[in-house]
Amino acid sequence: MKNYIHILINLREASFEDLNNEKLVTELLDSIVNFYKLKVIKKDLHLFKPQGISCFSLLEESHISIHTCPEKGKAYLDLFASIKDEFEVTEIKKLIYSKIKSNILVLQVFRDE
């Protein structure tokens, strides 16, 4: 049985370099997608000048996106998906922290089971 989740996460006090690193931001989303065994339909990324990244993956199950503000040390992640397993906030926090060292604030977790 699939569980629907919607989670909003803020990253704070992250380094400018990490938040402005296209490869690292893409790897972060990919690691979350792979961990939850989600299927990507389409990916896109935009690099802002002089800094900042918006990256998203359209999923068979819905979407995941991240928007970075390197000059503020902040990023905003949004995941909405149906997942097969039980969702644990600690797991996604570990995935994020393994890629981007930051204070991670989970703003909202919505479950529709």
N, C-alpha and C. Protein backbone atom coordinates (compact mmCIF):
# COMPACT_ATOMS: atom_id res chain seq x y z
N MET A 1 0.84 -1.18 0.00
CA MET A 1 0.00 0.00 0.00
C MET A 1 0.89 1.25 0.00
N LYS A 2 0.54 2.21 -0.81
CA LYS A 2 1.32 3.44 -0.88
C LYS A 2 0.79 4.48 0.10
N ASN A 3 1.72 5.22 0.66
CA ASN A 3 1.41 6.32 1.56
C ASN A 3 1.76 7.62 0.85
N TYR A 4 0.86 8.59 0.88
CA TYR A 4 1.12 9.88 0.28
C TYR A 4 1.70 10.82 1.33
N ILE A 5 2.79 11.47 0.97
CA ILE A 5 3.42 12.41 1.89
C ILE A 5 3.70 13.72 1.17
N HIS A 6 3.65 14.80 1.93
CA HIS A 6 4.08 16.11 1.45
C HIS A 6 4.93 16.70 2.56
N ILE A 7 6.16 16.99 2.23
CA ILE A 7 7.08 17.50 3.25
C ILE A 7 7.75 18.76 2.74
N LEU A 8 7.81 19.76 3.61
CA LEU A 8 8.49 21.02 3.33
C LEU A 8 9.65 21.14 4.31
N ILE A 9 10.82 21.40 3.78
CA ILE A 9 12.03 21.45 4.60
C ILE A 9 12.82 22.71 4.26
N ASN A 10 13.28 23.41 5.30
CA ASN A 10 14.19 24.54 5.13
C ASN A 10 15.58 24.13 5.59
N LEU A 11 16.57 24.49 4.82
CA LEU A 11 17.96 24.31 5.22
C LEU A 11 18.49 25.69 5.56
N ARG A 12 19.19 25.77 6.69
CA ARG A 12 19.74 27.05 7.14
C ARG A 12 21.20 26.89 7.51
N GLU A 13 21.93 27.99 7.43
CA GLU A 13 23.35 28.02 7.81
C GLU A 13 24.18 27.04 6.98
N ALA A 14 23.79 26.86 5.72
CA ALA A 14 24.57 26.03 4.80
C ALA A 14 25.61 26.92 4.12
N SER A 15 26.65 26.31 3.62
CA SER A 15 27.71 27.11 2.99
C SER A 15 27.27 27.62 1.61
N PHE A 16 27.77 28.79 1.27
CA PHE A 16 27.52 29.39 -0.04
C PHE A 16 27.94 28.41 -1.13
N GLU A 17 29.12 27.81 -0.96
CA GLU A 17 29.68 26.91 -1.97
C GLU A 17 28.76 25.72 -2.21
N ASP A 18 28.26 25.09 -1.13
CA ASP A 18 27.37 23.94 -1.30
C ASP A 18 26.07 24.33 -2.00
N LEU A 19 25.49 25.43 -1.59
CA LEU A 19 24.20 25.84 -2.14
C LEU A 19 24.29 26.38 -3.56
N ASN A 20 25.49 26.69 -4.02
CA ASN A 20 25.67 27.19 -5.38
C ASN A 20 26.34 26.14 -6.27
N ASN A 21 26.39 24.89 -5.79
CA ASN A 21 27.05 23.80 -6.49
C ASN A 21 25.99 22.96 -7.21
N GLU A 22 25.94 23.12 -8.53
CA GLU A 22 24.94 22.43 -9.35
C GLU A 22 25.00 20.91 -9.16
N LYS A 23 26.19 20.36 -9.16
CA LYS A 23 26.36 18.91 -9.02
C LYS A 23 25.84 18.42 -7.66
N LEU A 24 26.19 19.12 -6.61
CA LEU A 24 25.79 18.73 -5.26
C LEU A 24 24.28 18.81 -5.06
N VAL A 25 23.66 19.88 -5.54
CA VAL A 25 22.22 20.05 -5.41
C VAL A 25 21.49 18.97 -6.20
N THR A 26 21.96 18.67 -7.40
CA THR A 26 21.36 17.60 -8.21
C THR A 26 21.52 16.25 -7.53
N GLU A 27 22.71 15.98 -6.99
CA GLU A 27 22.96 14.72 -6.28
C GLU A 27 22.03 14.58 -5.07
N LEU A 28 21.76 15.69 -4.39
CA LEU A 28 20.86 15.64 -3.23
C LEU A 28 19.48 15.16 -3.65
N LEU A 29 18.90 15.77 -4.68
CA LEU A 29 17.57 15.35 -5.12
C LEU A 29 17.60 13.90 -5.60
N ASP A 30 18.63 13.54 -6.36
CA ASP A 30 18.75 12.17 -6.86
C ASP A 30 18.85 11.16 -5.72
N SER A 31 19.56 11.50 -4.65
CA SER A 31 19.71 10.56 -3.54
C SER A 31 18.37 10.34 -2.82
N ILE A 32 17.57 11.40 -2.70
CA ILE A 32 16.25 11.26 -2.08
C ILE A 32 15.34 10.41 -2.97
N VAL A 33 15.34 10.70 -4.26
CA VAL A 33 14.55 9.94 -5.23
C VAL A 33 14.94 8.46 -5.19
N ASN A 34 16.23 8.18 -5.18
CA ASN A 34 16.69 6.79 -5.17
C ASN A 34 16.36 6.09 -3.85
N PHE A 35 16.53 6.79 -2.74
CA PHE A 35 16.25 6.20 -1.44
C PHE A 35 14.80 5.74 -1.33
N TYR A 36 13.88 6.57 -1.81
CA TYR A 36 12.46 6.23 -1.72
C TYR A 36 11.95 5.47 -2.94
N LYS A 37 12.86 5.09 -3.85
CA LYS A 37 12.53 4.28 -5.03
C LYS A 37 11.44 4.95 -5.87
N LEU A 38 11.63 6.26 -6.11
CA LEU A 38 10.70 7.03 -6.92
C LEU A 38 11.18 7.01 -8.37
N LYS A 39 10.28 7.27 -9.29
CA LYS A 39 10.61 7.23 -10.71
C LYS A 39 10.54 8.64 -11.32
N VAL A 40 11.67 9.08 -11.87
CA VAL A 40 11.76 10.41 -12.48
C VAL A 40 11.22 10.36 -13.91
N ILE A 41 10.34 11.30 -14.22
CA ILE A 41 9.83 11.46 -15.57
C ILE A 41 10.63 12.53 -16.30
N LYS A 42 10.92 13.63 -15.60
CA LYS A 42 11.62 14.76 -16.21
C LYS A 42 12.38 15.51 -15.14
N LYS A 43 13.54 16.04 -15.50
CA LYS A 43 14.34 16.86 -14.58
C LYS A 43 14.66 18.19 -15.26
N ASP A 44 14.79 19.22 -14.44
CA ASP A 44 15.22 20.50 -14.98
C ASP A 44 15.94 21.27 -13.89
N LEU A 45 16.79 22.19 -14.32
CA LEU A 45 17.59 22.97 -13.39
C LEU A 45 17.82 24.34 -14.00
N HIS A 46 17.81 25.36 -13.15
CA HIS A 46 18.13 26.71 -13.60
C HIS A 46 19.16 27.30 -12.65
N LEU A 47 20.23 27.84 -13.22
CA LEU A 47 21.26 28.53 -12.44
C LEU A 47 20.99 30.01 -12.54
N PHE A 48 20.81 30.65 -11.41
CA PHE A 48 20.58 32.08 -11.38
C PHE A 48 21.91 32.82 -11.33
N LYS A 49 21.92 34.04 -11.82
CA LYS A 49 23.11 34.89 -11.78
C LYS A 49 22.84 36.03 -10.82
N PRO A 50 23.68 36.33 -9.89
CA PRO A 50 25.04 35.80 -9.74
C PRO A 50 25.11 34.48 -8.97
N GLN A 51 24.00 34.08 -8.29
CA GLN A 51 24.05 32.81 -7.55
C GLN A 51 22.64 32.28 -7.36
N GLY A 52 22.56 31.01 -7.00
CA GLY A 52 21.27 30.38 -6.70
C GLY A 52 20.90 29.34 -7.73
N ILE A 53 20.17 28.35 -7.26
CA ILE A 53 19.77 27.23 -8.11
C ILE A 53 18.32 26.87 -7.81
N SER A 54 17.56 26.60 -8.85
CA SER A 54 16.27 25.94 -8.72
C SER A 54 16.35 24.65 -9.50
N CYS A 55 15.98 23.57 -8.87
CA CYS A 55 16.09 22.26 -9.49
C CYS A 55 14.85 21.46 -9.12
N PHE A 56 14.30 20.72 -10.08
CA PHE A 56 13.15 19.89 -9.77
C PHE A 56 13.18 18.61 -10.58
N SER A 57 12.48 17.63 -10.05
CA SER A 57 12.23 16.39 -10.78
C SER A 57 10.73 16.15 -10.75
N LEU A 58 10.17 15.99 -11.93
CA LEU A 58 8.78 15.58 -12.04
C LEU A 58 8.80 14.06 -11.88
N LEU A 59 8.05 13.57 -10.94
CA LEU A 59 8.06 12.15 -10.62
C LEU A 59 6.79 11.47 -11.11
N GLU A 60 6.89 10.19 -11.35
CA GLU A 60 5.69 9.42 -11.64
C GLU A 60 4.72 9.55 -10.46
N GLU A 61 5.29 9.70 -9.27
CA GLU A 61 4.51 9.81 -8.04
C GLU A 61 4.15 11.25 -7.68
N SER A 62 4.75 12.25 -8.29
CA SER A 62 4.44 13.67 -8.13
C SER A 62 5.68 14.52 -8.41
N HIS A 63 6.31 15.14 -7.35
CA HIS A 63 7.46 16.01 -7.63
C HIS A 63 8.37 16.17 -6.41
N ILE A 64 9.60 16.63 -6.71
CA ILE A 64 10.54 17.06 -5.68
C ILE A 64 11.25 18.29 -6.25
N SER A 65 11.46 19.29 -5.40
CA SER A 65 12.16 20.49 -5.87
C SER A 65 12.99 21.08 -4.75
N ILE A 66 13.99 21.87 -5.17
CA ILE A 66 14.80 22.62 -4.22
C ILE A 66 15.13 23.97 -4.84
N HIS A 67 15.11 24.98 -4.00
CA HIS A 67 15.49 26.34 -4.41
C HIS A 67 16.54 26.81 -3.41
N THR A 68 17.68 27.25 -3.90
CA THR A 68 18.76 27.67 -3.00
C THR A 68 18.96 29.18 -3.04
N CYS A 69 19.31 29.72 -1.90
CA CYS A 69 19.67 31.13 -1.73
C CYS A 69 21.04 31.16 -1.05
N PRO A 70 22.11 30.93 -1.81
CA PRO A 70 23.45 30.83 -1.23
C PRO A 70 23.86 32.06 -0.43
N GLU A 71 23.44 33.23 -0.89
CA GLU A 71 23.83 34.48 -0.21
C GLU A 71 23.23 34.56 1.19
N LYS A 72 22.17 33.80 1.45
CA LYS A 72 21.54 33.77 2.78
C LYS A 72 21.86 32.48 3.54
N GLY A 73 22.55 31.54 2.88
CA GLY A 73 22.84 30.25 3.51
C GLY A 73 21.61 29.38 3.67
N LYS A 74 20.62 29.59 2.79
CA LYS A 74 19.34 28.89 2.93
C LYS A 74 18.94 28.15 1.66
N ALA A 75 18.13 27.12 1.85
CA ALA A 75 17.52 26.40 0.74
C ALA A 75 16.16 25.89 1.19
N TYR A 76 15.30 25.64 0.22
CA TYR A 76 13.93 25.23 0.49
C TYR A 76 13.63 24.00 -0.35
N LEU A 77 13.28 22.90 0.31
CA LEU A 77 13.02 21.64 -0.37
C LEU A 77 11.56 21.26 -0.20
N ASP A 78 10.96 20.76 -1.27
CA ASP A 78 9.56 20.36 -1.28
C ASP A 78 9.46 18.98 -1.93
N LEU A 79 8.87 18.03 -1.23
CA LEU A 79 8.65 16.68 -1.77
C LEU A 79 7.20 16.30 -1.58
N PHE A 80 6.56 15.94 -2.68
CA PHE A 80 5.22 15.38 -2.63
C PHE A 80 5.26 14.10 -3.43
N ALA A 81 4.92 12.98 -2.79
CA ALA A 81 5.02 11.70 -3.48
C ALA A 81 4.21 10.64 -2.76
N SER A 82 3.95 9.58 -3.50
CA SER A 82 3.40 8.39 -2.87
C SER A 82 4.57 7.42 -2.73
N ILE A 83 4.77 6.94 -1.54
CA ILE A 83 5.89 6.04 -1.29
C ILE A 83 5.35 4.71 -0.76
N LYS A 84 6.11 3.66 -1.03
CA LYS A 84 5.66 2.31 -0.68
C LYS A 84 5.89 1.99 0.79
N ASP A 85 6.90 2.57 1.36
CA ASP A 85 7.26 2.26 2.73
C ASP A 85 6.84 3.38 3.67
N GLU A 86 6.95 3.11 4.95
CA GLU A 86 6.66 4.13 5.97
C GLU A 86 7.68 5.26 5.84
N PHE A 87 7.23 6.47 5.93
CA PHE A 87 8.10 7.64 5.81
C PHE A 87 8.57 8.08 7.18
N GLU A 88 9.87 8.26 7.32
CA GLU A 88 10.46 8.75 8.56
C GLU A 88 11.23 10.03 8.29
N VAL A 89 10.93 11.07 9.01
CA VAL A 89 11.60 12.37 8.84
C VAL A 89 13.10 12.25 9.06
N THR A 90 13.51 11.43 10.02
CA THR A 90 14.95 11.31 10.31
C THR A 90 15.74 10.81 9.11
N GLU A 91 15.14 9.97 8.29
CA GLU A 91 15.86 9.43 7.12
C GLU A 91 16.13 10.52 6.08
N ILE A 92 15.14 11.34 5.79
CA ILE A 92 15.36 12.39 4.79
C ILE A 92 16.34 13.44 5.33
N LYS A 93 16.29 13.70 6.64
CA LYS A 93 17.24 14.63 7.23
C LYS A 93 18.67 14.11 7.10
N LYS A 94 18.86 12.81 7.30
CA LYS A 94 20.20 12.21 7.13
C LYS A 94 20.68 12.33 5.70
N LEU A 95 19.79 12.08 4.74
CA LEU A 95 20.15 12.20 3.33
C LEU A 95 20.58 13.63 2.99
N ILE A 96 19.82 14.59 3.46
CA ILE A 96 20.14 16.00 3.20
C ILE A 96 21.49 16.35 3.82
N TYR A 97 21.67 16.00 5.10
CA TYR A 97 22.89 16.37 5.81
C TYR A 97 24.12 15.69 5.22
N SER A 98 23.96 14.52 4.63
CA SER A 98 25.09 13.82 4.01
C SER A 98 25.61 14.57 2.78
N LYS A 99 24.76 15.39 2.18
CA LYS A 99 25.16 16.16 0.99
C LYS A 99 25.46 17.61 1.33
N ILE A 100 24.60 18.23 2.12
CA ILE A 100 24.73 19.65 2.45
C ILE A 100 24.64 19.81 3.97
N LYS A 101 25.76 20.14 4.58
CA LYS A 101 25.80 20.36 6.02
C LYS A 101 25.04 21.64 6.34
N SER A 102 24.01 21.52 7.19
CA SER A 102 23.17 22.67 7.50
C SER A 102 22.30 22.34 8.70
N ASN A 103 21.63 23.38 9.21
CA ASN A 103 20.54 23.16 10.17
C ASN A 103 19.32 22.85 9.33
N ILE A 104 18.65 21.77 9.66
CA ILE A 104 17.52 21.31 8.86
C ILE A 104 16.24 21.47 9.68
N LEU A 105 15.34 22.26 9.15
CA LEU A 105 14.08 22.54 9.83
C LEU A 105 12.94 21.94 9.00
N VAL A 106 12.27 20.95 9.56
CA VAL A 106 11.13 20.34 8.89
C VAL A 106 9.90 21.19 9.24
N LEU A 107 9.35 21.82 8.23
CA LEU A 107 8.22 22.72 8.46
C LEU A 107 6.89 22.01 8.48
N GLN A 108 6.74 21.03 7.59
CA GLN A 108 5.45 20.38 7.48
C GLN A 108 5.63 18.97 6.96
N VAL A 109 4.93 18.06 7.55
CA VAL A 109 4.83 16.71 7.03
C VAL A 109 3.35 16.37 6.99
N PHE A 110 2.86 16.11 5.78
CA PHE A 110 1.46 15.73 5.62
C PHE A 110 1.43 14.30 5.15
N ARG A 111 0.68 13.47 5.83
CA ARG A 111 0.52 12.07 5.44
C ARG A 111 -0.94 11.80 5.13
N ASP A 112 -1.16 11.15 4.02
CA ASP A 112 -2.52 10.72 3.65
C ASP A 112 -2.43 9.22 3.39
N GLU A 113 -2.80 8.45 4.38
CA GLU A 113 -2.66 6.99 4.29
C GLU A 113 -3.99 6.32 4.02
